[in-house]
N, C-alpha and C. Protein backbone atom coordinates (compact mmCIF):
# COMPACT_ATOMS: atom_id res chain seq x y z
N MET A 1 37.61 -33.71 18.81
CA MET A 1 37.77 -33.37 17.41
C MET A 1 36.99 -32.07 17.13
N THR A 2 37.61 -31.13 16.51
CA THR A 2 36.95 -29.89 16.13
C THR A 2 37.05 -29.73 14.63
N GLY A 3 36.36 -28.77 14.12
CA GLY A 3 36.50 -28.51 12.70
C GLY A 3 35.19 -28.44 11.99
N GLY A 4 35.08 -29.21 10.91
CA GLY A 4 34.01 -29.11 9.94
C GLY A 4 32.62 -29.34 10.47
N PRO A 5 31.67 -29.16 9.60
CA PRO A 5 30.27 -29.32 9.98
C PRO A 5 29.93 -30.78 10.26
N THR A 6 28.90 -30.97 11.07
CA THR A 6 28.38 -32.30 11.35
C THR A 6 27.53 -32.74 10.17
N ARG A 7 27.94 -33.85 9.54
CA ARG A 7 27.20 -34.39 8.39
C ARG A 7 26.60 -35.72 8.80
N LEU A 8 25.27 -35.82 8.66
CA LEU A 8 24.57 -37.05 9.01
C LEU A 8 23.70 -37.48 7.84
N THR A 9 23.31 -38.73 7.86
CA THR A 9 22.37 -39.27 6.88
C THR A 9 21.36 -40.15 7.61
N ALA A 10 20.20 -40.32 7.01
CA ALA A 10 19.14 -41.13 7.63
C ALA A 10 19.27 -42.58 7.18
N GLN A 11 18.95 -43.46 8.09
CA GLN A 11 18.97 -44.90 7.80
C GLN A 11 17.66 -45.51 8.28
N LEU A 12 16.98 -46.20 7.37
CA LEU A 12 15.78 -46.96 7.71
C LEU A 12 15.94 -48.36 7.17
N ASP A 13 15.54 -49.32 7.95
CA ASP A 13 15.62 -50.71 7.51
C ASP A 13 14.35 -51.08 6.75
N GLY A 14 14.52 -51.72 5.61
CA GLY A 14 13.38 -52.21 4.85
C GLY A 14 12.66 -51.13 4.06
N GLU A 15 11.59 -51.56 3.42
CA GLU A 15 10.74 -50.65 2.65
C GLU A 15 10.01 -49.70 3.59
N PHE A 16 9.71 -48.52 3.10
CA PHE A 16 8.86 -47.58 3.83
C PHE A 16 8.06 -46.78 2.81
N VAL A 17 7.14 -45.97 3.31
CA VAL A 17 6.26 -45.18 2.44
C VAL A 17 6.39 -43.71 2.80
N VAL A 18 6.47 -42.88 1.78
CA VAL A 18 6.42 -41.43 1.96
C VAL A 18 5.02 -40.98 1.56
N PHE A 19 4.37 -40.28 2.45
CA PHE A 19 3.02 -39.79 2.21
C PHE A 19 3.03 -38.28 2.38
N MET A 20 2.63 -37.57 1.35
CA MET A 20 2.56 -36.12 1.40
C MET A 20 1.11 -35.70 1.24
N ILE A 21 0.68 -34.76 2.07
CA ILE A 21 -0.71 -34.31 2.03
C ILE A 21 -0.76 -32.81 2.31
N GLY A 22 -1.70 -32.16 1.70
CA GLY A 22 -1.86 -30.73 1.94
C GLY A 22 -3.26 -30.27 1.57
N MET A 23 -3.52 -29.03 1.93
CA MET A 23 -4.79 -28.42 1.57
C MET A 23 -4.53 -27.07 0.93
N ARG A 24 -5.47 -26.64 0.15
CA ARG A 24 -5.37 -25.33 -0.49
C ARG A 24 -6.70 -24.62 -0.27
N VAL A 25 -6.62 -23.44 0.29
CA VAL A 25 -7.81 -22.62 0.48
C VAL A 25 -8.03 -21.83 -0.80
N ASN A 26 -9.08 -22.16 -1.53
CA ASN A 26 -9.38 -21.50 -2.79
C ASN A 26 -10.28 -20.27 -2.61
N LYS A 27 -11.07 -20.29 -1.55
CA LYS A 27 -11.98 -19.17 -1.26
C LYS A 27 -11.85 -18.85 0.23
N PRO A 28 -10.92 -17.96 0.57
CA PRO A 28 -10.64 -17.68 2.00
C PRO A 28 -11.87 -17.24 2.79
N TRP A 29 -12.84 -16.59 2.16
CA TRP A 29 -14.03 -16.13 2.85
C TRP A 29 -14.96 -17.27 3.25
N ARG A 30 -14.72 -18.48 2.71
CA ARG A 30 -15.55 -19.65 3.04
C ARG A 30 -14.93 -20.42 4.21
N ILE A 31 -14.82 -19.75 5.33
CA ILE A 31 -14.23 -20.35 6.52
C ILE A 31 -14.97 -21.63 6.91
N ASP A 32 -16.27 -21.65 6.68
CA ASP A 32 -17.07 -22.84 7.02
C ASP A 32 -16.61 -24.06 6.24
N ALA A 33 -15.98 -23.86 5.08
CA ALA A 33 -15.53 -24.98 4.25
C ALA A 33 -14.12 -25.42 4.59
N TRP A 34 -13.21 -24.48 4.84
CA TRP A 34 -11.81 -24.89 5.03
C TRP A 34 -11.40 -25.07 6.49
N LEU A 35 -12.05 -24.39 7.43
CA LEU A 35 -11.64 -24.53 8.83
C LEU A 35 -11.78 -25.96 9.36
N PRO A 36 -12.89 -26.67 9.08
CA PRO A 36 -12.97 -28.05 9.56
C PRO A 36 -11.86 -28.95 8.99
N VAL A 37 -11.45 -28.72 7.75
CA VAL A 37 -10.36 -29.49 7.16
C VAL A 37 -9.07 -29.18 7.90
N PHE A 38 -8.82 -27.91 8.14
CA PHE A 38 -7.63 -27.47 8.86
C PHE A 38 -7.57 -28.05 10.27
N LEU A 39 -8.70 -28.08 10.95
CA LEU A 39 -8.74 -28.56 12.34
C LEU A 39 -8.70 -30.08 12.46
N ALA A 40 -9.01 -30.79 11.40
CA ALA A 40 -9.01 -32.26 11.47
C ALA A 40 -7.60 -32.83 11.58
N MET A 41 -6.62 -32.22 10.94
CA MET A 41 -5.27 -32.78 10.92
C MET A 41 -4.64 -32.89 12.31
N PRO A 42 -4.70 -31.88 13.16
CA PRO A 42 -4.10 -32.05 14.50
C PRO A 42 -4.69 -33.22 15.28
N ARG A 43 -5.99 -33.47 15.13
CA ARG A 43 -6.60 -34.62 15.82
C ARG A 43 -6.03 -35.93 15.31
N MET A 44 -5.85 -36.02 13.99
CA MET A 44 -5.27 -37.25 13.43
C MET A 44 -3.83 -37.43 13.91
N LEU A 45 -3.06 -36.36 13.92
CA LEU A 45 -1.67 -36.46 14.35
C LEU A 45 -1.55 -36.87 15.81
N ARG A 46 -2.42 -36.33 16.65
CA ARG A 46 -2.41 -36.75 18.06
C ARG A 46 -2.70 -38.23 18.19
N GLU A 47 -3.69 -38.69 17.42
CA GLU A 47 -4.04 -40.11 17.46
C GLU A 47 -2.86 -40.96 17.00
N LEU A 48 -2.21 -40.57 15.91
CA LEU A 48 -1.09 -41.34 15.38
C LEU A 48 0.12 -41.33 16.32
N GLN A 49 0.37 -40.21 16.96
CA GLN A 49 1.49 -40.15 17.91
C GLN A 49 1.22 -41.01 19.14
N ALA A 50 -0.02 -41.08 19.55
CA ALA A 50 -0.39 -41.90 20.72
C ALA A 50 -0.42 -43.39 20.40
N ARG A 51 -0.48 -43.74 19.09
CA ARG A 51 -0.61 -45.14 18.69
C ARG A 51 0.46 -45.51 17.66
N PRO A 52 1.72 -45.68 18.08
CA PRO A 52 2.77 -46.04 17.13
C PRO A 52 2.49 -47.36 16.40
N ASP A 53 1.66 -48.21 16.97
CA ASP A 53 1.31 -49.48 16.33
C ASP A 53 0.55 -49.28 15.01
N LEU A 54 0.03 -48.07 14.77
CA LEU A 54 -0.69 -47.80 13.53
C LEU A 54 0.25 -47.67 12.33
N GLY A 55 1.54 -47.42 12.59
CA GLY A 55 2.52 -47.46 11.50
C GLY A 55 3.17 -46.16 11.09
N LEU A 56 2.78 -45.04 11.68
CA LEU A 56 3.44 -43.78 11.34
C LEU A 56 4.83 -43.77 11.97
N LEU A 57 5.87 -43.56 11.16
CA LEU A 57 7.24 -43.50 11.67
C LEU A 57 7.63 -42.09 12.08
N GLY A 58 7.08 -41.10 11.41
CA GLY A 58 7.39 -39.71 11.72
C GLY A 58 6.92 -38.81 10.60
N GLY A 59 7.09 -37.52 10.82
CA GLY A 59 6.70 -36.56 9.80
C GLY A 59 6.79 -35.15 10.32
N GLN A 60 6.57 -34.20 9.43
CA GLN A 60 6.58 -32.81 9.82
C GLN A 60 5.94 -31.95 8.74
N PHE A 61 5.50 -30.77 9.18
CA PHE A 61 4.89 -29.82 8.26
C PHE A 61 5.96 -29.06 7.50
N HIS A 62 5.65 -28.75 6.28
CA HIS A 62 6.42 -27.84 5.44
C HIS A 62 5.41 -26.86 4.87
N GLY A 63 5.23 -25.74 5.54
CA GLY A 63 4.19 -24.80 5.15
C GLY A 63 2.84 -25.47 5.29
N PRO A 64 1.98 -25.37 4.28
CA PRO A 64 0.65 -25.97 4.39
C PRO A 64 0.63 -27.47 4.05
N SER A 65 1.80 -28.05 3.85
CA SER A 65 1.89 -29.47 3.49
C SER A 65 2.50 -30.27 4.63
N LEU A 66 2.12 -31.52 4.70
CA LEU A 66 2.65 -32.44 5.70
C LEU A 66 3.31 -33.60 4.98
N ILE A 67 4.54 -33.90 5.37
CA ILE A 67 5.24 -35.05 4.82
C ILE A 67 5.36 -36.07 5.94
N GLN A 68 4.89 -37.28 5.67
CA GLN A 68 4.94 -38.36 6.66
C GLN A 68 5.70 -39.55 6.10
N PHE A 69 6.25 -40.33 7.02
CA PHE A 69 6.93 -41.58 6.68
C PHE A 69 6.21 -42.69 7.42
N TRP A 70 5.76 -43.69 6.66
CA TRP A 70 4.99 -44.81 7.19
C TRP A 70 5.75 -46.11 7.03
N ARG A 71 5.49 -47.04 7.92
CA ARG A 71 6.12 -48.36 7.89
C ARG A 71 5.75 -49.10 6.60
N SER A 72 4.51 -48.91 6.12
CA SER A 72 4.08 -49.59 4.90
C SER A 72 2.84 -48.93 4.33
N ALA A 73 2.58 -49.18 3.05
CA ALA A 73 1.36 -48.69 2.40
C ALA A 73 0.14 -49.36 3.04
N GLU A 74 0.30 -50.60 3.45
CA GLU A 74 -0.80 -51.32 4.09
C GLU A 74 -1.20 -50.63 5.40
N ASP A 75 -0.21 -50.21 6.19
CA ASP A 75 -0.52 -49.50 7.44
C ASP A 75 -1.22 -48.17 7.16
N LEU A 76 -0.71 -47.43 6.18
CA LEU A 76 -1.32 -46.15 5.81
C LEU A 76 -2.77 -46.35 5.37
N ASN A 77 -3.01 -47.31 4.50
CA ASN A 77 -4.37 -47.57 4.02
C ASN A 77 -5.28 -48.10 5.12
N ALA A 78 -4.75 -48.93 5.99
CA ALA A 78 -5.56 -49.44 7.10
C ALA A 78 -5.99 -48.29 8.02
N TYR A 79 -5.07 -47.37 8.29
CA TYR A 79 -5.43 -46.21 9.12
C TYR A 79 -6.52 -45.39 8.44
N ALA A 80 -6.36 -45.14 7.15
CA ALA A 80 -7.31 -44.30 6.41
C ALA A 80 -8.71 -44.90 6.39
N ARG A 81 -8.81 -46.22 6.40
CA ARG A 81 -10.11 -46.89 6.25
C ARG A 81 -10.77 -47.35 7.55
N ALA A 82 -10.03 -47.31 8.64
CA ALA A 82 -10.56 -47.84 9.90
C ALA A 82 -11.64 -46.93 10.48
N ARG A 83 -12.79 -47.49 10.70
CA ARG A 83 -13.93 -46.72 11.22
C ARG A 83 -13.66 -46.14 12.61
N GLU A 84 -12.82 -46.83 13.40
CA GLU A 84 -12.57 -46.39 14.77
C GLU A 84 -11.53 -45.28 14.86
N ASN A 85 -10.88 -44.94 13.76
CA ASN A 85 -9.86 -43.88 13.76
C ASN A 85 -10.45 -42.54 13.34
N VAL A 86 -9.75 -41.48 13.62
CA VAL A 86 -10.21 -40.12 13.36
C VAL A 86 -10.33 -39.82 11.86
N HIS A 87 -9.48 -40.42 11.03
CA HIS A 87 -9.43 -40.04 9.62
C HIS A 87 -10.73 -40.26 8.86
N LEU A 88 -11.31 -41.43 8.96
CA LEU A 88 -12.46 -41.76 8.12
C LEU A 88 -13.65 -40.81 8.32
N PRO A 89 -14.05 -40.51 9.56
CA PRO A 89 -15.14 -39.54 9.72
C PRO A 89 -14.76 -38.15 9.18
N ALA A 90 -13.51 -37.74 9.35
CA ALA A 90 -13.07 -36.43 8.83
C ALA A 90 -13.12 -36.43 7.30
N TRP A 91 -12.70 -37.53 6.68
CA TRP A 91 -12.72 -37.64 5.22
C TRP A 91 -14.16 -37.60 4.70
N ARG A 92 -15.05 -38.30 5.37
CA ARG A 92 -16.45 -38.30 4.95
C ARG A 92 -17.06 -36.90 5.09
N ALA A 93 -16.75 -36.22 6.18
CA ALA A 93 -17.26 -34.86 6.39
C ALA A 93 -16.73 -33.92 5.32
N PHE A 94 -15.44 -34.06 4.97
CA PHE A 94 -14.87 -33.22 3.92
C PHE A 94 -15.61 -33.45 2.60
N ASN A 95 -15.81 -34.70 2.24
CA ASN A 95 -16.49 -35.01 0.97
C ASN A 95 -17.91 -34.45 0.93
N GLN A 96 -18.60 -34.54 2.04
CA GLN A 96 -19.96 -34.00 2.10
C GLN A 96 -19.93 -32.48 1.93
N LYS A 97 -19.03 -31.83 2.65
CA LYS A 97 -18.92 -30.37 2.59
C LYS A 97 -18.42 -29.92 1.21
N ALA A 98 -17.51 -30.67 0.61
CA ALA A 98 -16.94 -30.30 -0.69
C ALA A 98 -18.01 -30.23 -1.77
N ARG A 99 -19.02 -31.07 -1.67
CA ARG A 99 -20.09 -31.06 -2.67
C ARG A 99 -20.86 -29.74 -2.68
N SER A 100 -20.95 -29.11 -1.51
CA SER A 100 -21.73 -27.88 -1.41
C SER A 100 -20.89 -26.61 -1.30
N SER A 101 -19.58 -26.74 -1.33
CA SER A 101 -18.73 -25.56 -1.11
C SER A 101 -18.21 -24.93 -2.39
N ASP A 102 -18.57 -25.46 -3.54
CA ASP A 102 -18.18 -24.88 -4.82
C ASP A 102 -16.66 -24.69 -4.92
N GLY A 103 -15.91 -25.70 -4.49
CA GLY A 103 -14.45 -25.65 -4.63
C GLY A 103 -13.73 -24.70 -3.68
N ALA A 104 -14.33 -24.40 -2.54
CA ALA A 104 -13.73 -23.45 -1.60
C ALA A 104 -12.41 -23.94 -1.03
N VAL A 105 -12.28 -25.25 -0.90
CA VAL A 105 -11.04 -25.82 -0.35
C VAL A 105 -10.70 -27.07 -1.16
N GLY A 106 -9.43 -27.23 -1.38
CA GLY A 106 -8.96 -28.43 -2.07
C GLY A 106 -7.98 -29.18 -1.19
N ILE A 107 -7.90 -30.47 -1.39
CA ILE A 107 -6.88 -31.26 -0.71
C ILE A 107 -6.16 -32.10 -1.76
N TRP A 108 -4.96 -32.49 -1.44
CA TRP A 108 -4.17 -33.34 -2.32
C TRP A 108 -3.34 -34.28 -1.46
N HIS A 109 -2.98 -35.40 -2.02
CA HIS A 109 -1.99 -36.26 -1.38
C HIS A 109 -1.28 -37.09 -2.43
N GLU A 110 -0.07 -37.51 -2.09
CA GLU A 110 0.75 -38.36 -2.94
C GLU A 110 1.41 -39.40 -2.04
N THR A 111 1.50 -40.62 -2.53
CA THR A 111 2.09 -41.72 -1.77
C THR A 111 3.18 -42.38 -2.61
N TYR A 112 4.34 -42.62 -2.00
CA TYR A 112 5.46 -43.24 -2.69
C TYR A 112 6.00 -44.39 -1.85
N ARG A 113 6.14 -45.55 -2.45
CA ARG A 113 6.79 -46.70 -1.82
C ARG A 113 8.29 -46.59 -2.09
N VAL A 114 9.09 -46.72 -1.04
CA VAL A 114 10.54 -46.59 -1.19
C VAL A 114 11.19 -47.92 -0.79
N GLN A 115 11.91 -48.49 -1.72
CA GLN A 115 12.61 -49.75 -1.47
C GLN A 115 13.93 -49.48 -0.74
N PRO A 116 14.43 -50.46 -0.01
CA PRO A 116 15.72 -50.27 0.68
C PRO A 116 16.81 -49.83 -0.29
N GLY A 117 17.60 -48.87 0.12
CA GLY A 117 18.71 -48.39 -0.69
C GLY A 117 18.31 -47.49 -1.84
N GLN A 118 17.03 -47.14 -1.94
CA GLN A 118 16.56 -46.31 -3.05
C GLN A 118 16.24 -44.89 -2.61
N TYR A 119 16.96 -44.41 -1.64
CA TYR A 119 16.80 -43.04 -1.16
C TYR A 119 18.17 -42.54 -0.71
N GLU A 120 18.26 -41.23 -0.61
CA GLU A 120 19.53 -40.61 -0.21
C GLU A 120 19.18 -39.37 0.60
N THR A 121 19.89 -39.17 1.69
CA THR A 121 19.67 -37.99 2.52
C THR A 121 21.01 -37.48 3.03
N VAL A 122 21.07 -36.21 3.30
CA VAL A 122 22.21 -35.64 4.02
C VAL A 122 21.71 -34.44 4.81
N TYR A 123 22.20 -34.31 6.01
CA TYR A 123 21.84 -33.21 6.90
C TYR A 123 23.14 -32.64 7.44
N VAL A 124 23.34 -31.35 7.23
CA VAL A 124 24.55 -30.69 7.70
C VAL A 124 24.14 -29.63 8.72
N ASN A 125 24.62 -29.80 9.94
CA ASN A 125 24.32 -28.87 11.03
C ASN A 125 22.81 -28.66 11.18
N MET A 126 22.07 -29.74 11.12
CA MET A 126 20.61 -29.69 11.21
C MET A 126 20.14 -30.50 12.42
N PRO A 127 19.01 -30.09 13.01
CA PRO A 127 18.36 -30.97 13.99
C PRO A 127 17.71 -32.13 13.23
N LYS A 128 17.13 -33.07 13.96
CA LYS A 128 16.41 -34.16 13.28
C LYS A 128 15.37 -33.55 12.37
N PHE A 129 15.37 -34.00 11.12
CA PHE A 129 14.55 -33.38 10.09
C PHE A 129 14.17 -34.43 9.06
N GLY A 130 12.96 -34.31 8.49
CA GLY A 130 12.54 -35.19 7.41
C GLY A 130 12.68 -36.66 7.75
N LEU A 131 13.28 -37.41 6.83
CA LEU A 131 13.47 -38.85 7.02
C LEU A 131 14.35 -39.13 8.25
N GLY A 132 15.21 -38.18 8.59
CA GLY A 132 16.04 -38.33 9.78
C GLY A 132 15.23 -38.37 11.07
N ARG A 133 14.03 -37.81 11.06
CA ARG A 133 13.15 -37.89 12.22
C ARG A 133 12.46 -39.24 12.31
N ALA A 134 12.27 -39.88 11.17
CA ALA A 134 11.56 -41.16 11.13
C ALA A 134 12.51 -42.34 11.31
N GLY A 135 13.75 -42.17 10.91
CA GLY A 135 14.72 -43.26 10.99
C GLY A 135 15.78 -42.97 12.02
N THR A 136 16.96 -43.48 11.78
CA THR A 136 18.10 -43.29 12.65
C THR A 136 19.10 -42.42 11.92
N LEU A 137 19.67 -41.44 12.59
CA LEU A 137 20.72 -40.62 11.99
C LEU A 137 22.06 -41.26 12.24
N VAL A 138 22.85 -41.38 11.18
CA VAL A 138 24.19 -41.96 11.28
C VAL A 138 25.16 -41.02 10.57
N PRO A 139 26.46 -41.08 10.92
CA PRO A 139 27.43 -40.21 10.26
C PRO A 139 27.47 -40.45 8.74
N ALA A 140 27.55 -39.38 8.00
CA ALA A 140 27.69 -39.46 6.54
C ALA A 140 29.17 -39.56 6.22
N SER A 141 29.72 -40.71 6.56
CA SER A 141 31.15 -40.93 6.35
C SER A 141 31.34 -42.33 5.75
N GLY A 142 32.59 -42.63 5.35
CA GLY A 142 32.86 -43.91 4.72
C GLY A 142 32.06 -44.04 3.44
N ARG A 143 31.38 -45.15 3.27
CA ARG A 143 30.57 -45.33 2.05
C ARG A 143 29.42 -44.34 1.97
N ARG A 144 29.07 -43.73 3.08
CA ARG A 144 27.98 -42.76 3.10
C ARG A 144 28.46 -41.32 2.86
N GLU A 145 29.71 -41.16 2.51
CA GLU A 145 30.29 -39.82 2.30
C GLU A 145 29.66 -39.10 1.10
N SER A 146 29.38 -39.83 0.04
CA SER A 146 28.83 -39.22 -1.18
C SER A 146 27.38 -39.64 -1.38
N ALA A 147 26.67 -38.87 -2.21
CA ALA A 147 25.28 -39.22 -2.54
C ALA A 147 25.22 -40.59 -3.21
N ALA A 148 26.14 -40.86 -4.12
CA ALA A 148 26.16 -42.17 -4.79
C ALA A 148 26.39 -43.29 -3.78
N GLY A 149 27.26 -43.06 -2.82
CA GLY A 149 27.51 -44.07 -1.79
C GLY A 149 26.30 -44.30 -0.91
N ARG A 150 25.60 -43.24 -0.59
CA ARG A 150 24.39 -43.38 0.22
C ARG A 150 23.28 -44.10 -0.52
N MET A 151 23.34 -44.06 -1.85
CA MET A 151 22.36 -44.79 -2.67
C MET A 151 22.82 -46.22 -2.94
N GLY A 152 23.93 -46.61 -2.35
CA GLY A 152 24.39 -47.99 -2.47
C GLY A 152 25.19 -48.28 -3.72
N ARG A 153 25.71 -47.24 -4.36
CA ARG A 153 26.51 -47.47 -5.58
C ARG A 153 27.98 -47.48 -5.27
């Protein structure tokens, strides 16, 4: 079969969590304040990739922001609070440094719980991307042809 573009949509079973996190360098000359924050993320990602049992389904960077997909909010929170994981010491170090850095670096994050059937995706001529990297890519055909159909309407 030849012809039109390849249209795919992402499919995940059950509830999942979208976690977005980023940093903002407010004072570029304060390398001592923002570089440790910047360097902490790759260590966390290596740990999460090596330990799928922690609950990270997938994710990717979009500029200075990272979008992740987690199996559950409970898994995300357990990872953030576990003393044996990389995150907690990095978070404590950031908080200590933030008190003395006069706002040189900022961080933000947002967490969203997504119920089954309450999301919609489409990828046209794209490699695995976004939620498609965390779930399974399936043809956007039949009931999945339209955005409304992909939302279960």
